[in-house]
């Protein structure tokens, strides 16, 4: 289990580093070109790994079934995500962008869990998760305000 935790943490580090690098590339090339370069180099890297693992291309063929074509839309969504994130990261900053992206992932996860939940009596944990998401988004919103604005709203006599 500790190996899985270490791998998950490493994945988080890779995501943060990838977002930052793609954001910098986006400043120079634009978000869609940054996404294009990201995926070209990712394709080349994975191709090299497949070659090193001596994977035969014929073993990849069974993945192409007509009834599961929609599963490959993850690549389209991923490419769009990289382009959007490359743009947003430069506008909001790394921390705010990461928190909002994670909030979006949590919303998606909660909604998918609700959709695939067997019964409605198990929805209470999802309500709590939804509240957690709301608190994260409110925290990001509050962090965008200047401290003086927050104080003035709390105490109108401090001007």
C-alpha atoms as a PDB file:
ATOM      1  CA  UNK A   1       0.000   0.000   0.000  1.00  0.00           C
ATOM      2  CA  UNK A   2       2.828   2.428   0.795  1.00  0.00           C
ATOM      3  CA  UNK A   3       4.160   1.921  -2.749  1.00  0.00           C
ATOM      4  CA  UNK A   4       0.783   2.978  -4.150  1.00  0.00           C
ATOM      5  CA  UNK A   5       0.776   6.068  -1.923  1.00  0.00           C
ATOM      6  CA  UNK A   6       4.294   6.923  -3.088  1.00  0.00           C
ATOM      7  CA  UNK A   7       3.251   6.453  -6.731  1.00  0.00           C
ATOM      8  CA  UNK A   8       0.173   8.668  -6.217  1.00  0.00           C
ATOM      9  CA  UNK A   9       2.314  11.397  -4.623  1.00  0.00           C
ATOM     10  CA  UNK A  10       4.838  11.101  -7.459  1.00  0.00           C
ATOM     11  CA  UNK A  11       1.955  11.431  -9.911  1.00  0.00           C
ATOM     12  CA  UNK A  12       0.871  14.636  -8.169  1.00  0.00           C
ATOM     13  CA  UNK A  13       4.401  16.020  -8.412  1.00  0.00           C
ATOM     14  CA  UNK A  14       4.517  15.145 -12.114  1.00  0.00           C
ATOM     15  CA  UNK A  15       1.164  16.844 -12.714  1.00  0.00           C
ATOM     16  CA  UNK A  16       2.289  20.014 -10.938  1.00  0.00           C
ATOM     17  CA  UNK A  17       5.579  20.107 -12.832  1.00  0.00           C
ATOM     18  CA  UNK A  18       3.853  19.334 -16.136  1.00  0.00           C
ATOM     19  CA  UNK A  19       1.311  22.130 -15.585  1.00  0.00           C
ATOM     20  CA  UNK A  20       4.061  24.599 -14.819  1.00  0.00           C
ATOM     21  CA  UNK A  21       6.148  23.639 -17.853  1.00  0.00           C
ATOM     22  CA  UNK A  22       3.113  23.694 -20.153  1.00  0.00           C
ATOM     23  CA  UNK A  23       2.147  27.106 -18.772  1.00  0.00           C
ATOM     24  CA  UNK A  24       5.601  28.457 -19.584  1.00  0.00           C
ATOM     25  CA  UNK A  25       5.474  26.900 -23.055  1.00  0.00           C
ATOM     26  CA  UNK A  26       2.040  28.465 -23.531  1.00  0.00           C
ATOM     27  CA  UNK A  27       3.504  31.927 -22.928  1.00  0.00           C
ATOM     28  CA  UNK A  28       5.864  31.414 -25.859  1.00  0.00           C
ATOM     29  CA  UNK A  29       3.738  29.327 -28.239  1.00  0.00           C
ATOM     30  CA  UNK A  30       0.105  29.764 -27.158  1.00  0.00           C
ATOM     31  CA  UNK A  31      -2.082  27.227 -25.318  1.00  0.00           C
ATOM     32  CA  UNK A  32      -3.032  25.014 -28.268  1.00  0.00           C
ATOM     33  CA  UNK A  33       0.499  24.779 -29.653  1.00  0.00           C
ATOM     34  CA  UNK A  34       1.731  24.032 -26.125  1.00  0.00           C
ATOM     35  CA  UNK A  35      -0.823  21.220 -25.907  1.00  0.00           C
ATOM     36  CA  UNK A  36       0.255  19.940 -29.332  1.00  0.00           C
ATOM     37  CA  UNK A  37       3.938  19.861 -28.361  1.00  0.00           C
ATOM     38  CA  UNK A  38       3.056  18.277 -25.023  1.00  0.00           C
ATOM     39  CA  UNK A  39       1.239  15.425 -26.737  1.00  0.00           C
ATOM     40  CA  UNK A  40       3.823  14.942 -29.505  1.00  0.00           C
ATOM     41  CA  UNK A  41       6.642  14.587 -26.980  1.00  0.00           C
ATOM     42  CA  UNK A  42       4.425  12.427 -24.754  1.00  0.00           C
ATOM     43  CA  UNK A  43       3.674  10.171 -27.726  1.00  0.00           C
ATOM     44  CA  UNK A  44       7.367   9.852 -28.547  1.00  0.00           C
ATOM     45  CA  UNK A  45       8.193   9.093 -24.900  1.00  0.00           C
ATOM     46  CA  UNK A  46       5.504   6.406 -24.607  1.00  0.00           C
ATOM     47  CA  UNK A  47       6.527   4.944 -27.968  1.00  0.00           C
ATOM     48  CA  UNK A  48      10.081   4.606 -26.667  1.00  0.00           C
ATOM     49  CA  UNK A  49       8.788   2.884 -23.518  1.00  0.00           C
ATOM     50  CA  UNK A  50       6.710   0.455 -25.606  1.00  0.00           C
ATOM     51  CA  UNK A  51       9.759  -0.319 -27.747  1.00  0.00           C
ATOM     52  CA  UNK A  52      11.946  -0.849 -24.669  1.00  0.00           C
ATOM     53  CA  UNK A  53       9.312  -3.140 -23.141  1.00  0.00           C
ATOM     54  CA  UNK A  54       9.298  -5.074 -26.421  1.00  0.00           C
ATOM     55  CA  UNK A  55       5.547  -4.608 -26.836  1.00  0.00           C
ATOM     56  CA  UNK A  56       4.242  -5.875 -30.142  1.00  0.00           C
ATOM     57  CA  UNK A  57       1.890  -3.527 -31.960  1.00  0.00           C
ATOM     58  CA  UNK A  58      -0.425  -6.461 -32.674  1.00  0.00           C
ATOM     59  CA  UNK A  59      -1.042  -6.758 -28.916  1.00  0.00           C
ATOM     60  CA  UNK A  60      -2.471  -3.219 -28.953  1.00  0.00           C
ATOM     61  CA  UNK A  61      -5.005  -4.036 -31.702  1.00  0.00           C
ATOM     62  CA  UNK A  62      -7.666  -5.686 -29.448  1.00  0.00           C
ATOM     63  CA  UNK A  63      -8.270  -2.285 -27.841  1.00  0.00           C
ATOM     64  CA  UNK A  64      -9.975  -1.063 -31.031  1.00  0.00           C
ATOM     65  CA  UNK A  65     -13.520  -2.399 -30.665  1.00  0.00           C
ATOM     66  CA  UNK A  66     -16.470  -0.665 -32.272  1.00  0.00           C
ATOM     67  CA  UNK A  67     -18.586  -0.906 -29.126  1.00  0.00           C
ATOM     68  CA  UNK A  68     -15.996   0.873 -26.957  1.00  0.00           C
ATOM     69  CA  UNK A  69     -14.991   3.683 -29.326  1.00  0.00           C
ATOM     70  CA  UNK A  70     -16.085   6.349 -26.825  1.00  0.00           C
ATOM     71  CA  UNK A  71     -13.380   5.255 -24.369  1.00  0.00           C
ATOM     72  CA  UNK A  72     -10.796   6.852 -26.662  1.00  0.00           C
ATOM     73  CA  UNK A  73     -12.407  10.262 -26.146  1.00  0.00           C
ATOM     74  CA  UNK A  74     -10.243  10.492 -23.025  1.00  0.00           C
ATOM     75  CA  UNK A  75      -7.373  11.469 -25.328  1.00  0.00           C
ATOM     76  CA  UNK A  76      -9.423  14.281 -26.860  1.00  0.00           C
ATOM     77  CA  UNK A  77     -10.480  15.496 -23.422  1.00  0.00           C
ATOM     78  CA  UNK A  78      -6.870  15.235 -22.223  1.00  0.00           C
ATOM     79  CA  UNK A  79      -5.570  17.337 -25.111  1.00  0.00           C
ATOM     80  CA  UNK A  80      -8.232  19.978 -24.458  1.00  0.00           C
ATOM     81  CA  UNK A  81      -7.419  19.906 -20.734  1.00  0.00           C
ATOM     82  CA  UNK A  82      -3.722  20.553 -21.376  1.00  0.00           C
ATOM     83  CA  UNK A  83      -4.545  23.507 -23.649  1.00  0.00           C
ATOM     84  CA  UNK A  84      -7.018  24.992 -21.140  1.00  0.00           C
ATOM     85  CA  UNK A  85      -4.674  24.464 -18.220  1.00  0.00           C
ATOM     86  CA  UNK A  86      -1.746  26.011 -20.095  1.00  0.00           C
ATOM     87  CA  UNK A  87      -3.816  29.151 -20.582  1.00  0.00           C
ATOM     88  CA  UNK A  88      -5.443  29.309 -17.134  1.00  0.00           C
ATOM     89  CA  UNK A  89      -2.216  28.679 -15.213  1.00  0.00           C
ATOM     90  CA  UNK A  90      -0.657  31.862 -16.583  1.00  0.00           C
ATOM     91  CA  UNK A  91      -3.767  33.903 -15.803  1.00  0.00           C
ATOM     92  CA  UNK A  92      -4.481  32.692 -12.248  1.00  0.00           C
ATOM     93  CA  UNK A  93      -1.138  31.436 -10.995  1.00  0.00           C
ATOM     94  CA  UNK A  94      -0.097  27.889 -10.176  1.00  0.00           C
ATOM     95  CA  UNK A  95      -1.765  27.531  -6.761  1.00  0.00           C
ATOM     96  CA  UNK A  96      -5.181  28.941  -7.681  1.00  0.00           C
ATOM     97  CA  UNK A  97      -5.253  27.057 -10.972  1.00  0.00           C
ATOM     98  CA  UNK A  98      -4.310  23.802  -9.226  1.00  0.00           C
ATOM     99  CA  UNK A  99      -6.975  24.255  -6.530  1.00  0.00           C
ATOM    100  CA  UNK A 100      -9.679  24.997  -9.089  1.00  0.00           C
ATOM    101  CA  UNK A 101      -8.621  22.084 -11.310  1.00  0.00           C
ATOM    102  CA  UNK A 102      -8.667  19.771  -8.287  1.00  0.00           C
ATOM    103  CA  UNK A 103     -12.105  21.154  -7.350  1.00  0.00           C
ATOM    104  CA  UNK A 104     -13.333  20.370 -10.853  1.00  0.00           C
ATOM    105  CA  UNK A 105     -11.931  16.851 -10.555  1.00  0.00           C
ATOM    106  CA  UNK A 106     -13.684  16.431  -7.210  1.00  0.00           C
ATOM    107  CA  UNK A 107     -17.001  17.661  -8.632  1.00  0.00           C
ATOM    108  CA  UNK A 108     -16.671  15.195 -11.506  1.00  0.00           C
ATOM    109  CA  UNK A 109     -15.769  12.372  -9.120  1.00  0.00           C
ATOM    110  CA  UNK A 110     -18.702  13.096  -6.814  1.00  0.00           C
ATOM    111  CA  UNK A 111     -21.133  13.321  -9.749  1.00  0.00           C
ATOM    112  CA  UNK A 112     -19.852  10.065 -11.246  1.00  0.00           C
ATOM    113  CA  UNK A 113     -20.123   8.355  -7.850  1.00  0.00           C
ATOM    114  CA  UNK A 114     -23.711   9.593  -7.512  1.00  0.00           C
ATOM    115  CA  UNK A 115     -24.624   8.488 -11.039  1.00  0.00           C
ATOM    116  CA  UNK A 116     -23.122   5.036 -10.522  1.00  0.00           C
ATOM    117  CA  UNK A 117     -24.323   4.682  -6.907  1.00  0.00           C
ATOM    118  CA  UNK A 118     -26.604   1.725  -6.341  1.00  0.00           C
ATOM    119  CA  UNK A 119     -28.942   3.433  -3.884  1.00  0.00           C
ATOM    120  CA  UNK A 120     -29.965   6.904  -2.818  1.00  0.00           C
ATOM    121  CA  UNK A 121     -29.542   6.145   0.903  1.00  0.00           C
ATOM    122  CA  UNK A 122     -25.761   6.298   0.433  1.00  0.00           C
ATOM    123  CA  UNK A 123     -25.756   9.919  -0.751  1.00  0.00           C
ATOM    124  CA  UNK A 124     -24.822  11.535   2.601  1.00  0.00           C
ATOM    125  CA  UNK A 125     -21.038  11.144   2.083  1.00  0.00           C
ATOM    126  CA  UNK A 126     -21.421  12.847  -1.301  1.00  0.00           C
ATOM    127  CA  UNK A 127     -23.187  15.794   0.322  1.00  0.00           C
ATOM    128  CA  UNK A 128     -20.201  16.180   2.663  1.00  0.00           C
ATOM    129  CA  UNK A 129     -17.802  15.932  -0.272  1.00  0.00           C
ATOM    130  CA  UNK A 130     -19.822  18.586  -2.085  1.00  0.00           C
ATOM    131  CA  UNK A 131     -19.504  20.879   0.934  1.00  0.00           C
ATOM    132  CA  UNK A 132     -15.744  20.313   0.890  1.00  0.00           C
ATOM    133  CA  UNK A 133     -15.626  21.376  -2.752  1.00  0.00           C
ATOM    134  CA  UNK A 134     -17.623  24.514  -1.956  1.00  0.00           C
ATOM    135  CA  UNK A 135     -15.175  25.407   0.831  1.00  0.00           C
ATOM    136  CA  UNK A 136     -12.203  24.987  -1.514  1.00  0.00           C
ATOM    137  CA  UNK A 137     -13.787  27.249  -4.129  1.00  0.00           C
ATOM    138  CA  UNK A 138     -14.719  29.838  -1.485  1.00  0.00           C
ATOM    139  CA  UNK A 139     -11.138  29.749  -0.202  1.00  0.00           C
ATOM    140  CA  UNK A 140      -9.790  30.440  -3.683  1.00  0.00           C
ATOM    141  CA  UNK A 141     -12.302  33.271  -4.090  1.00  0.00           C
ATOM    142  CA  UNK A 142     -11.293  34.822  -0.769  1.00  0.00           C
ATOM    143  CA  UNK A 143      -7.616  34.546  -1.654  1.00  0.00           C
ATOM    144  CA  UNK A 144      -8.255  36.737  -4.709  1.00  0.00           C
ATOM    145  CA  UNK A 145      -9.422  39.633  -2.548  1.00  0.00           C
ATOM    146  CA  UNK A 146      -6.939  41.991  -0.988  1.00  0.00           C
ATOM    147  CA  UNK A 147      -6.742  41.794   2.830  1.00  0.00           C
ATOM    148  CA  UNK A 148      -7.904  45.422   3.126  1.00  0.00           C
ATOM    149  CA  UNK A 149     -11.102  44.634   1.167  1.00  0.00           C
ATOM    150  CA  UNK A 150     -11.921  41.778   3.530  1.00  0.00           C
ATOM    151  CA  UNK A 151     -11.350  43.923   6.637  1.00  0.00           C
ATOM    152  CA  UNK A 152     -13.471  46.774   5.235  1.00  0.00           C
ATOM    153  CA  UNK A 153     -16.376  44.412   4.574  1.00  0.00           C
ATOM    154  CA  UNK A 154     -16.233  43.022   8.103  1.00  0.00           C
ATOM    155  CA  UNK A 155     -15.774  46.367   9.855  1.00  0.00           C
ATOM    156  CA  UNK A 156     -17.305  49.279   7.929  1.00  0.00           C
ATOM    157  CA  UNK A 157     -15.761  51.830  10.317  1.00  0.00           C
ATOM    158  CA  UNK A 158     -12.202  50.817   9.193  1.00  0.00           C
ATOM    159  CA  UNK A 159     -11.754  52.967   6.106  1.00  0.00           C
END
